[in-house]
């Protein structure tokens, strides 16, 4: 007789890991909280808007098939990945100034 659920030790480990991941804040939340604490409410709200706009852009890109393009074209994925990395370095340099 087969069951739909995995054995209890494996399932409980999965549940525990899922709970830890669900309550751990992601980088977007940490960025927003840090900006809010260091630079105030206005910067925090600006950060919220930026993260939300980034999420919207990601959803739109995925829905138009760019995710499929990146899956089959390693060159396209590498270009976007390194462009994003350069932008993060630029933001870091600007923050240090």
PDB file of N, CA and C in Angstrom:
ATOM      1  N   UNK A   1       0.844  -1.183   0.000  1.00  0.00           N
ATOM      2  CA  UNK A   1       0.000   0.000   0.000  1.00  0.00           C
ATOM      3  C   UNK A   1       0.893   1.251   0.000  1.00  0.00           C
ATOM      4  N   UNK A   2       0.721   2.101  -0.970  1.00  0.00           N
ATOM      5  CA  UNK A   2       1.538   3.304  -1.048  1.00  0.00           C
ATOM      6  C   UNK A   2       0.757   4.491  -0.473  1.00  0.00           C
ATOM      7  N   UNK A   3       1.516   5.410   0.091  1.00  0.00           N
ATOM      8  CA  UNK A   3       0.899   6.614   0.636  1.00  0.00           C
ATOM      9  C   UNK A   3       1.383   7.814  -0.163  1.00  0.00           C
ATOM     10  N   UNK A   4       0.644   8.876  -0.056  1.00  0.00           N
ATOM     11  CA  UNK A   4       1.010  10.096  -0.772  1.00  0.00           C
ATOM     12  C   UNK A   4       2.095  10.892  -0.054  1.00  0.00           C
ATOM     13  N   UNK A   5       2.210  10.705   1.237  1.00  0.00           N
ATOM     14  CA  UNK A   5       3.191  11.457   2.018  1.00  0.00           C
ATOM     15  C   UNK A   5       4.474  10.664   2.170  1.00  0.00           C
ATOM     16  N   UNK A   6       5.615  11.351   2.227  1.00  0.00           N
ATOM     17  CA  UNK A   6       6.883  10.645   2.476  1.00  0.00           C
ATOM     18  C   UNK A   6       6.931  10.165   3.927  1.00  0.00           C
ATOM     19  N   UNK A   7       7.934   9.375   4.259  1.00  0.00           N
ATOM     20  CA  UNK A   7       8.064   8.919   5.650  1.00  0.00           C
ATOM     21  C   UNK A   7       8.151  10.103   6.610  1.00  0.00           C
ATOM     22  N   UNK A   8       7.664   9.893   7.843  1.00  0.00           N
ATOM     23  CA  UNK A   8       7.563  10.973   8.822  1.00  0.00           C
ATOM     24  C   UNK A   8       8.883  11.714   9.074  1.00  0.00           C
ATOM     25  N   UNK A   9      10.042  11.052   9.247  1.00  0.00           N
ATOM     26  CA  UNK A   9      11.273  11.832   9.485  1.00  0.00           C
ATOM     27  C   UNK A   9      11.598  12.789   8.335  1.00  0.00           C
ATOM     28  N   UNK A  10      11.418  12.336   7.114  1.00  0.00           N
ATOM     29  CA  UNK A  10      11.677  13.185   5.953  1.00  0.00           C
ATOM     30  C   UNK A  10      10.655  14.319   5.860  1.00  0.00           C
ATOM     31  N   UNK A  11       9.407  13.996   6.102  1.00  0.00           N
ATOM     32  CA  UNK A  11       8.340  15.007   6.038  1.00  0.00           C
ATOM     33  C   UNK A  11       8.505  16.052   7.137  1.00  0.00           C
ATOM     34  N   UNK A  12       8.868  15.626   8.339  1.00  0.00           N
ATOM     35  CA  UNK A  12       9.047  16.594   9.427  1.00  0.00           C
ATOM     36  C   UNK A  12      10.249  17.503   9.156  1.00  0.00           C
ATOM     37  N   UNK A  13      11.318  16.963   8.566  1.00  0.00           N
ATOM     38  CA  UNK A  13      12.463  17.800   8.206  1.00  0.00           C
ATOM     39  C   UNK A  13      12.061  18.821   7.154  1.00  0.00           C
ATOM     40  N   UNK A  14      11.245  18.393   6.193  1.00  0.00           N
ATOM     41  CA  UNK A  14      10.749  19.319   5.171  1.00  0.00           C
ATOM     42  C   UNK A  14       9.897  20.420   5.802  1.00  0.00           C
ATOM     43  N   UNK A  15       9.008  20.058   6.708  1.00  0.00           N
ATOM     44  CA  UNK A  15       8.163  21.056   7.371  1.00  0.00           C
ATOM     45  C   UNK A  15       8.993  22.045   8.171  1.00  0.00           C
ATOM     46  N   UNK A  16       9.989  21.560   8.882  1.00  0.00           N
ATOM     47  CA  UNK A  16      10.843  22.444   9.670  1.00  0.00           C
ATOM     48  C   UNK A  16      11.622  23.398   8.763  1.00  0.00           C
ATOM     49  N   UNK A  17      12.199  22.868   7.692  1.00  0.00           N
ATOM     50  CA  UNK A  17      12.943  23.717   6.753  1.00  0.00           C
ATOM     51  C   UNK A  17      12.019  24.749   6.106  1.00  0.00           C
ATOM     52  N   UNK A  18      10.805  24.350   5.764  1.00  0.00           N
ATOM     53  CA  UNK A  18       9.837  25.281   5.168  1.00  0.00           C
ATOM     54  C   UNK A  18       9.480  26.390   6.141  1.00  0.00           C
ATOM     55  N   UNK A  19       9.296  26.054   7.398  1.00  0.00           N
ATOM     56  CA  UNK A  19       8.975  27.055   8.416  1.00  0.00           C
ATOM     57  C   UNK A  19      10.116  28.049   8.581  1.00  0.00           C
ATOM     58  N   UNK A  20      11.347  27.532   8.632  1.00  0.00           N
ATOM     59  CA  UNK A  20      12.516  28.420   8.788  1.00  0.00           C
ATOM     60  C   UNK A  20      12.622  29.367   7.597  1.00  0.00           C
ATOM     61  N   UNK A  21      12.437  28.839   6.386  1.00  0.00           N
ATOM     62  CA  UNK A  21      12.503  29.694   5.194  1.00  0.00           C
ATOM     63  C   UNK A  21      11.368  30.715   5.155  1.00  0.00           C
ATOM     64  N   UNK A  22      10.200  30.331   5.650  1.00  0.00           N
ATOM     65  CA  UNK A  22       9.053  31.246   5.616  1.00  0.00           C
ATOM     66  C   UNK A  22       9.220  32.409   6.587  1.00  0.00           C
ATOM     67  N   UNK A  23       9.848  32.195   7.722  1.00  0.00           N
ATOM     68  CA  UNK A  23       9.972  33.270   8.716  1.00  0.00           C
ATOM     69  C   UNK A  23      11.278  34.045   8.598  1.00  0.00           C
ATOM     70  N   UNK A  24      12.212  33.584   7.760  1.00  0.00           N
ATOM     71  CA  UNK A  24      13.475  34.285   7.568  1.00  0.00           C
ATOM     72  C   UNK A  24      13.268  35.405   6.557  1.00  0.00           C
ATOM     73  N   UNK A  25      13.609  36.623   6.930  1.00  0.00           N
ATOM     74  CA  UNK A  25      13.428  37.713   5.966  1.00  0.00           C
ATOM     75  C   UNK A  25      14.411  37.587   4.810  1.00  0.00           C
ATOM     76  N   UNK A  26      13.942  37.938   3.646  1.00  0.00           N
ATOM     77  CA  UNK A  26      14.786  37.880   2.457  1.00  0.00           C
ATOM     78  C   UNK A  26      15.628  39.134   2.316  1.00  0.00           C
ATOM     79  N   UNK A  27      16.439  39.193   1.275  1.00  0.00           N
ATOM     80  CA  UNK A  27      17.311  40.355   1.084  1.00  0.00           C
ATOM     81  C   UNK A  27      16.540  41.647   0.846  1.00  0.00           C
ATOM     82  N   UNK A  28      15.366  41.548   0.217  1.00  0.00           N
ATOM     83  CA  UNK A  28      14.562  42.753  -0.005  1.00  0.00           C
ATOM     84  C   UNK A  28      14.093  43.359   1.310  1.00  0.00           C
ATOM     85  N   UNK A  29      13.644  42.516   2.216  1.00  0.00           N
ATOM     86  CA  UNK A  29      13.178  42.997   3.527  1.00  0.00           C
ATOM     87  C   UNK A  29      14.342  43.577   4.323  1.00  0.00           C
ATOM     88  N   UNK A  30      15.474  42.887   4.303  1.00  0.00           N
ATOM     89  CA  UNK A  30      16.640  43.406   5.030  1.00  0.00           C
ATOM     90  C   UNK A  30      17.093  44.750   4.467  1.00  0.00           C
ATOM     91  N   UNK A  31      17.053  44.893   3.146  1.00  0.00           N
ATOM     92  CA  UNK A  31      17.423  46.155   2.506  1.00  0.00           C
ATOM     93  C   UNK A  31      16.478  47.274   2.937  1.00  0.00           C
ATOM     94  N   UNK A  32      15.184  47.001   2.925  1.00  0.00           N
ATOM     95  CA  UNK A  32      14.194  48.011   3.297  1.00  0.00           C
ATOM     96  C   UNK A  32      14.346  48.418   4.758  1.00  0.00           C
ATOM     97  N   UNK A  33      14.508  47.452   5.631  1.00  0.00           N
ATOM     98  CA  UNK A  33      14.659  47.755   7.060  1.00  0.00           C
ATOM     99  C   UNK A  33      15.927  48.554   7.305  1.00  0.00           C
ATOM    100  N   UNK A  34      17.027  48.158   6.663  1.00  0.00           N
ATOM    101  CA  UNK A  34      18.294  48.880   6.847  1.00  0.00           C
ATOM    102  C   UNK A  34      18.182  50.318   6.371  1.00  0.00           C
ATOM    103  N   UNK A  35      17.634  50.509   5.179  1.00  0.00           N
ATOM    104  CA  UNK A  35      17.480  51.876   4.660  1.00  0.00           C
ATOM    105  C   UNK A  35      16.569  52.698   5.565  1.00  0.00           C
ATOM    106  N   UNK A  36      15.502  52.082   6.074  1.00  0.00           N
ATOM    107  CA  UNK A  36      14.573  52.804   6.945  1.00  0.00           C
ATOM    108  C   UNK A  36      15.253  53.236   8.238  1.00  0.00           C
ATOM    109  N   UNK A  37      16.029  52.330   8.834  1.00  0.00           N
ATOM    110  CA  UNK A  37      16.690  52.653  10.098  1.00  0.00           C
ATOM    111  C   UNK A  37      17.798  53.687   9.927  1.00  0.00           C
ATOM    112  N   UNK A  38      18.551  53.575   8.840  1.00  0.00           N
ATOM    113  CA  UNK A  38      19.706  54.457   8.650  1.00  0.00           C
ATOM    114  C   UNK A  38      19.283  55.810   8.088  1.00  0.00           C
ATOM    115  N   UNK A  39      18.353  55.821   7.124  1.00  0.00           N
ATOM    116  CA  UNK A  39      18.045  57.058   6.422  1.00  0.00           C
ATOM    117  C   UNK A  39      16.630  57.578   6.644  1.00  0.00           C
ATOM    118  N   UNK A  40      15.812  56.862   7.385  1.00  0.00           N
ATOM    119  CA  UNK A  40      14.495  57.376   7.712  1.00  0.00           C
ATOM    120  C   UNK A  40      13.361  56.791   6.901  1.00  0.00           C
ATOM    121  N   UNK A  41      12.168  57.241   7.248  1.00  0.00           N
ATOM    122  CA  UNK A  41      10.940  56.710   6.667  1.00  0.00           C
ATOM    123  C   UNK A  41      10.858  56.932   5.161  1.00  0.00           C
ATOM    124  N   UNK A  42      11.225  58.107   4.710  1.00  0.00           N
ATOM    125  CA  UNK A  42      11.117  58.411   3.276  1.00  0.00           C
ATOM    126  C   UNK A  42      11.972  57.458   2.431  1.00  0.00           C
ATOM    127  N   UNK A  43      13.210  57.226   2.861  1.00  0.00           N
ATOM    128  CA  UNK A  43      14.081  56.288   2.136  1.00  0.00           C
ATOM    129  C   UNK A  43      13.539  54.868   2.215  1.00  0.00           C
ATOM    130  N   UNK A  44      12.977  54.511   3.351  1.00  0.00           N
ATOM    131  CA  UNK A  44      12.378  53.185   3.490  1.00  0.00           C
ATOM    132  C   UNK A  44      11.214  52.986   2.531  1.00  0.00           C
ATOM    133  N   UNK A  45      10.358  53.989   2.430  1.00  0.00           N
ATOM    134  CA  UNK A  45       9.228  53.893   1.506  1.00  0.00           C
ATOM    135  C   UNK A  45       9.682  53.901   0.051  1.00  0.00           C
ATOM    136  N   UNK A  46      10.735  54.657  -0.239  1.00  0.00           N
ATOM    137  CA  UNK A  46      11.304  54.630  -1.583  1.00  0.00           C
ATOM    138  C   UNK A  46      11.855  53.239  -1.893  1.00  0.00           C
ATOM    139  N   UNK A  47      12.484  52.626  -0.906  1.00  0.00           N
ATOM    140  CA  UNK A  47      13.006  51.273  -1.084  1.00  0.00           C
ATOM    141  C   UNK A  47      11.888  50.267  -1.308  1.00  0.00           C
ATOM    142  N   UNK A  48      10.795  50.415  -0.585  1.00  0.00           N
ATOM    143  CA  UNK A  48       9.639  49.541  -0.791  1.00  0.00           C
ATOM    144  C   UNK A  48       9.142  49.664  -2.223  1.00  0.00           C
ATOM    145  N   UNK A  49       9.042  50.899  -2.702  1.00  0.00           N
ATOM    146  CA  UNK A  49       8.579  51.120  -4.074  1.00  0.00           C
ATOM    147  C   UNK A  49       9.549  50.491  -5.080  1.00  0.00           C
ATOM    148  N   UNK A  50      10.851  50.626  -4.836  1.00  0.00           N
ATOM    149  CA  UNK A  50      11.841  50.045  -5.736  1.00  0.00           C
ATOM    150  C   UNK A  50      11.787  48.528  -5.761  1.00  0.00           C
ATOM    151  N   UNK A  51      11.662  47.909  -4.602  1.00  0.00           N
ATOM    152  CA  UNK A  51      11.576  46.444  -4.544  1.00  0.00           C
ATOM    153  C   UNK A  51      10.290  45.962  -5.217  1.00  0.00           C
ATOM    154  N   UNK A  52       9.193  46.656  -4.972  1.00  0.00           N
ATOM    155  CA  UNK A  52       7.920  46.270  -5.603  1.00  0.00           C
ATOM    156  C   UNK A  52       7.997  46.430  -7.118  1.00  0.00           C
ATOM    157  N   UNK A  53       8.623  47.503  -7.576  1.00  0.00           N
ATOM    158  CA  UNK A  53       8.771  47.711  -9.017  1.00  0.00           C
ATOM    159  C   UNK A  53       9.666  46.636  -9.638  1.00  0.00           C
ATOM    160  N   UNK A  54      10.714  46.251  -8.926  1.00  0.00           N
ATOM    161  CA  UNK A  54      11.576  45.168  -9.390  1.00  0.00           C
ATOM    162  C   UNK A  54      10.826  43.847  -9.473  1.00  0.00           C
ATOM    163  N   UNK A  55      10.008  43.560  -8.474  1.00  0.00           N
ATOM    164  CA  UNK A  55       9.191  42.340  -8.497  1.00  0.00           C
ATOM    165  C   UNK A  55       8.210  42.367  -9.660  1.00  0.00           C
ATOM    166  N   UNK A  56       7.637  43.523  -9.930  1.00  0.00           N
ATOM    167  CA  UNK A  56       6.709  43.651 -11.053  1.00  0.00           C
ATOM    168  C   UNK A  56       7.441  43.404 -12.371  1.00  0.00           C
ATOM    169  N   UNK A  57       8.628  43.990 -12.519  1.00  0.00           N
ATOM    170  CA  UNK A  57       9.413  43.770 -13.725  1.00  0.00           C
ATOM    171  C   UNK A  57       9.770  42.300 -13.913  1.00  0.00           C
ATOM    172  N   UNK A  58      10.114  41.641 -12.820  1.00  0.00           N
ATOM    173  CA  UNK A  58      10.430  40.224 -12.878  1.00  0.00           C
ATOM    174  C   UNK A  58       9.211  39.411 -13.312  1.00  0.00           C
ATOM    175  N   UNK A  59       8.061  39.724 -12.772  1.00  0.00           N
ATOM    176  CA  UNK A  59       6.835  39.005 -13.136  1.00  0.00           C
ATOM    177  C   UNK A  59       6.474  39.245 -14.599  1.00  0.00           C
ATOM    178  N   UNK A  60       6.617  40.476 -15.053  1.00  0.00           N
ATOM    179  CA  UNK A  60       6.312  40.770 -16.458  1.00  0.00           C
ATOM    180  C   UNK A  60       7.279  40.071 -17.399  1.00  0.00           C
ATOM    181  N   UNK A  61       8.567  40.079 -17.045  1.00  0.00           N
ATOM    182  CA  UNK A  61       9.559  39.412 -17.890  1.00  0.00           C
ATOM    183  C   UNK A  61       9.292  37.912 -17.953  1.00  0.00           C
ATOM    184  N   UNK A  62       8.988  37.329 -16.825  1.00  0.00           N
ATOM    185  CA  UNK A  62       8.711  35.887 -16.812  1.00  0.00           C
ATOM    186  C   UNK A  62       7.469  35.562 -17.613  1.00  0.00           C
ATOM    187  N   UNK A  63       6.476  36.422 -17.529  1.00  0.00           N
ATOM    188  CA  UNK A  63       5.235  36.132 -18.241  1.00  0.00           C
ATOM    189  C   UNK A  63       5.370  36.336 -19.747  1.00  0.00           C
ATOM    190  N   UNK A  64       6.341  37.099 -20.189  1.00  0.00           N
ATOM    191  CA  UNK A  64       6.525  37.292 -21.631  1.00  0.00           C
ATOM    192  C   UNK A  64       7.516  36.302 -22.231  1.00  0.00           C
ATOM    193  N   UNK A  65       8.012  35.410 -21.438  1.00  0.00           N
ATOM    194  CA  UNK A  65       8.858  34.350 -21.970  1.00  0.00           C
ATOM    195  C   UNK A  65      10.341  34.555 -21.825  1.00  0.00           C
ATOM    196  N   UNK A  66      10.780  35.624 -21.166  1.00  0.00           N
ATOM    197  CA  UNK A  66      12.211  35.820 -20.996  1.00  0.00           C
ATOM    198  C   UNK A  66      12.831  34.745 -20.117  1.00  0.00           C
ATOM    199  N   UNK A  67      12.063  34.230 -19.203  1.00  0.00           N
ATOM    200  CA  UNK A  67      12.588  33.150 -18.371  1.00  0.00           C
ATOM    201  C   UNK A  67      12.904  31.931 -19.237  1.00  0.00           C
ATOM    202  N   UNK A  68      12.057  31.655 -20.209  1.00  0.00           N
ATOM    203  CA  UNK A  68      12.316  30.541 -21.121  1.00  0.00           C
ATOM    204  C   UNK A  68      13.550  30.821 -21.972  1.00  0.00           C
ATOM    205  N   UNK A  69      13.721  32.057 -22.416  1.00  0.00           N
ATOM    206  CA  UNK A  69      14.907  32.423 -23.193  1.00  0.00           C
ATOM    207  C   UNK A  69      16.167  32.217 -22.373  1.00  0.00           C
ATOM    208  N   UNK A  70      16.160  32.657 -21.129  1.00  0.00           N
ATOM    209  CA  UNK A  70      17.332  32.503 -20.278  1.00  0.00           C
ATOM    210  C   UNK A  70      17.619  31.034 -20.002  1.00  0.00           C
ATOM    211  N   UNK A  71      16.591  30.215 -19.967  1.00  0.00           N
ATOM    212  CA  UNK A  71      16.785  28.794 -19.712  1.00  0.00           C
ATOM    213  C   UNK A  71      17.514  28.111 -20.870  1.00  0.00           C
ATOM    214  N   UNK A  72      17.286  28.567 -22.084  1.00  0.00           N
ATOM    215  CA  UNK A  72      17.917  27.923 -23.237  1.00  0.00           C
ATOM    216  C   UNK A  72      19.148  28.667 -23.741  1.00  0.00           C
ATOM    217  N   UNK A  73      19.314  29.927 -23.386  1.00  0.00           N
ATOM    218  CA  UNK A  73      20.455  30.700 -23.861  1.00  0.00           C
ATOM    219  C   UNK A  73      21.331  31.102 -22.681  1.00  0.00           C
ATOM    220  N   UNK A  74      22.437  30.414 -22.533  1.00  0.00           N
ATOM    221  CA  UNK A  74      23.341  30.751 -21.433  1.00  0.00           C
ATOM    222  C   UNK A  74      23.995  32.117 -21.647  1.00  0.00           C
ATOM    223  N   UNK A  75      24.162  32.526 -22.896  1.00  0.00           N
ATOM    224  CA  UNK A  75      24.745  33.840 -23.179  1.00  0.00           C
ATOM    225  C   UNK A  75      23.818  34.960 -22.703  1.00  0.00           C
ATOM    226  N   UNK A  76      22.527  34.853 -23.018  1.00  0.00           N
ATOM    227  CA  UNK A  76      21.568  35.878 -22.586  1.00  0.00           C
ATOM    228  C   UNK A  76      21.511  35.939 -21.061  1.00  0.00           C
ATOM    229  N   UNK A  77      21.511  34.778 -20.423  1.00  0.00           N
ATOM    230  CA  UNK A  77      21.477  34.747 -18.959  1.00  0.00           C
ATOM    231  C   UNK A  77      22.744  35.378 -18.378  1.00  0.00           C
ATOM    232  N   UNK A  78      23.897  35.064 -18.952  1.00  0.00           N
ATOM    233  CA  UNK A  78      25.157  35.616 -18.453  1.00  0.00           C
ATOM    234  C   UNK A  78      25.194  37.132 -18.615  1.00  0.00           C
ATOM    235  N   UNK A  79      24.704  37.640 -19.742  1.00  0.00           N
ATOM    236  CA  UNK A  79      24.689  39.092 -19.966  1.00  0.00           C
ATOM    237  C   UNK A  79      23.844  39.780 -18.900  1.00  0.00           C
ATOM    238  N   UNK A  80      22.658  39.263 -18.653  1.00  0.00           N
ATOM    239  CA  UNK A  80      21.775  39.875 -17.647  1.00  0.00           C
ATOM    240  C   UNK A  80      22.369  39.720 -16.252  1.00  0.00           C
ATOM    241  N   UNK A  81      22.952  38.565 -15.966  1.00  0.00           N
ATOM    242  CA  UNK A  81      23.542  38.323 -14.644  1.00  0.00           C
ATOM    243  C   UNK A  81      24.681  39.305 -14.377  1.00  0.00           C
ATOM    244  N   UNK A  82      25.586  39.468 -15.343  1.00  0.00           N
ATOM    245  CA  UNK A  82      26.717  40.363 -15.124  1.00  0.00           C
ATOM    246  C   UNK A  82      26.303  41.832 -15.145  1.00  0.00           C
ATOM    247  N   UNK A  83      25.300  42.169 -15.915  1.00  0.00           N
ATOM    248  CA  UNK A  83      24.772  43.541 -15.887  1.00  0.00           C
ATOM    249  C   UNK A  83      24.188  43.846 -14.504  1.00  0.00           C
ATOM    250  N   UNK A  84      23.478  42.897 -13.953  1.00  0.00           N
ATOM    251  CA  UNK A  84      22.932  43.075 -12.603  1.00  0.00           C
ATOM    252  C   UNK A  84      24.031  43.185 -11.558  1.00  0.00           C
ATOM    253  N   UNK A  85      25.076  42.374 -11.695  1.00  0.00           N
ATOM    254  CA  UNK A  85      26.194  42.430 -10.753  1.00  0.00           C
ATOM    255  C   UNK A  85      26.907  43.781 -10.834  1.00  0.00           C
ATOM    256  N   UNK A  86      27.117  44.269 -12.051  1.00  0.00           N
ATOM    257  CA  UNK A  86      27.754  45.583 -12.209  1.00  0.00           C
ATOM    258  C   UNK A  86      26.902  46.691 -11.603  1.00  0.00           C
ATOM    259  N   UNK A  87      25.592  46.573 -11.763  1.00  0.00           N
ATOM    260  CA  UNK A  87      24.708  47.573 -11.179  1.00  0.00           C
ATOM    261  C   UNK A  87      24.781  47.539  -9.650  1.00  0.00           C
ATOM    262  N   UNK A  88      24.851  46.343  -9.073  1.00  0.00           N
ATOM    263  CA  UNK A  88      24.970  46.244  -7.617  1.00  0.00           C
ATOM    264  C   UNK A  88      26.294  46.830  -7.134  1.00  0.00           C
ATOM    265  N   UNK A  89      27.370  46.606  -7.890  1.00  0.00           N
ATOM    266  CA  UNK A  89      28.663  47.208  -7.536  1.00  0.00           C
ATOM    267  C   UNK A  89      28.552  48.734  -7.606  1.00  0.00           C
ATOM    268  N   UNK A  90      27.904  49.235  -8.638  1.00  0.00           N
ATOM    269  CA  UNK A  90      27.696  50.681  -8.775  1.00  0.00           C
ATOM    270  C   UNK A  90      26.921  51.228  -7.566  1.00  0.00           C
ATOM    271  N   UNK A  91      25.858  50.538  -7.180  1.00  0.00           N
ATOM    272  CA  UNK A  91      25.084  50.989  -6.019  1.00  0.00           C
ATOM    273  C   UNK A  91      25.924  50.964  -4.741  1.00  0.00           C
ATOM    274  N   UNK A  92      26.771  49.946  -4.607  1.00  0.00           N
ATOM    275  CA  UNK A  92      27.648  49.864  -3.436  1.00  0.00           C
ATOM    276  C   UNK A  92      28.634  51.005  -3.386  1.00  0.00           C
ATOM    277  N   UNK A  93      29.211  51.329  -4.530  1.00  0.00           N
ATOM    278  CA  UNK A  93      30.162  52.446  -4.591  1.00  0.00           C
ATOM    279  C   UNK A  93      29.448  53.754  -4.260  1.00  0.00           C
ATOM    280  N   UNK A  94      28.254  53.948  -4.799  1.00  0.00           N
ATOM    281  CA  UNK A  94      27.476  55.159  -4.510  1.00  0.00           C
ATOM    282  C   UNK A  94      27.145  55.262  -3.024  1.00  0.00           C
ATOM    283  N   UNK A  95      26.855  54.127  -2.399  1.00  0.00           N
ATOM    284  CA  UNK A  95      26.514  54.143  -0.981  1.00  0.00           C
ATOM    285  C   UNK A  95      27.746  54.474  -0.133  1.00  0.00           C
ATOM    286  N   UNK A  96      28.908  53.984  -0.555  1.00  0.00           N
ATOM    287  CA  UNK A  96      30.137  54.270   0.187  1.00  0.00           C
ATOM    288  C   UNK A  96      30.560  55.731   0.079  1.00  0.00           C
ATOM    289  N   UNK A  97      30.189  56.367  -1.019  1.00  0.00           N
ATOM    290  CA  UNK A  97      30.508  57.786  -1.192  1.00  0.00           C
ATOM    291  C   UNK A  97      29.714  58.567  -0.210  1.00  0.00           C
TER     292      UNK A  97
END
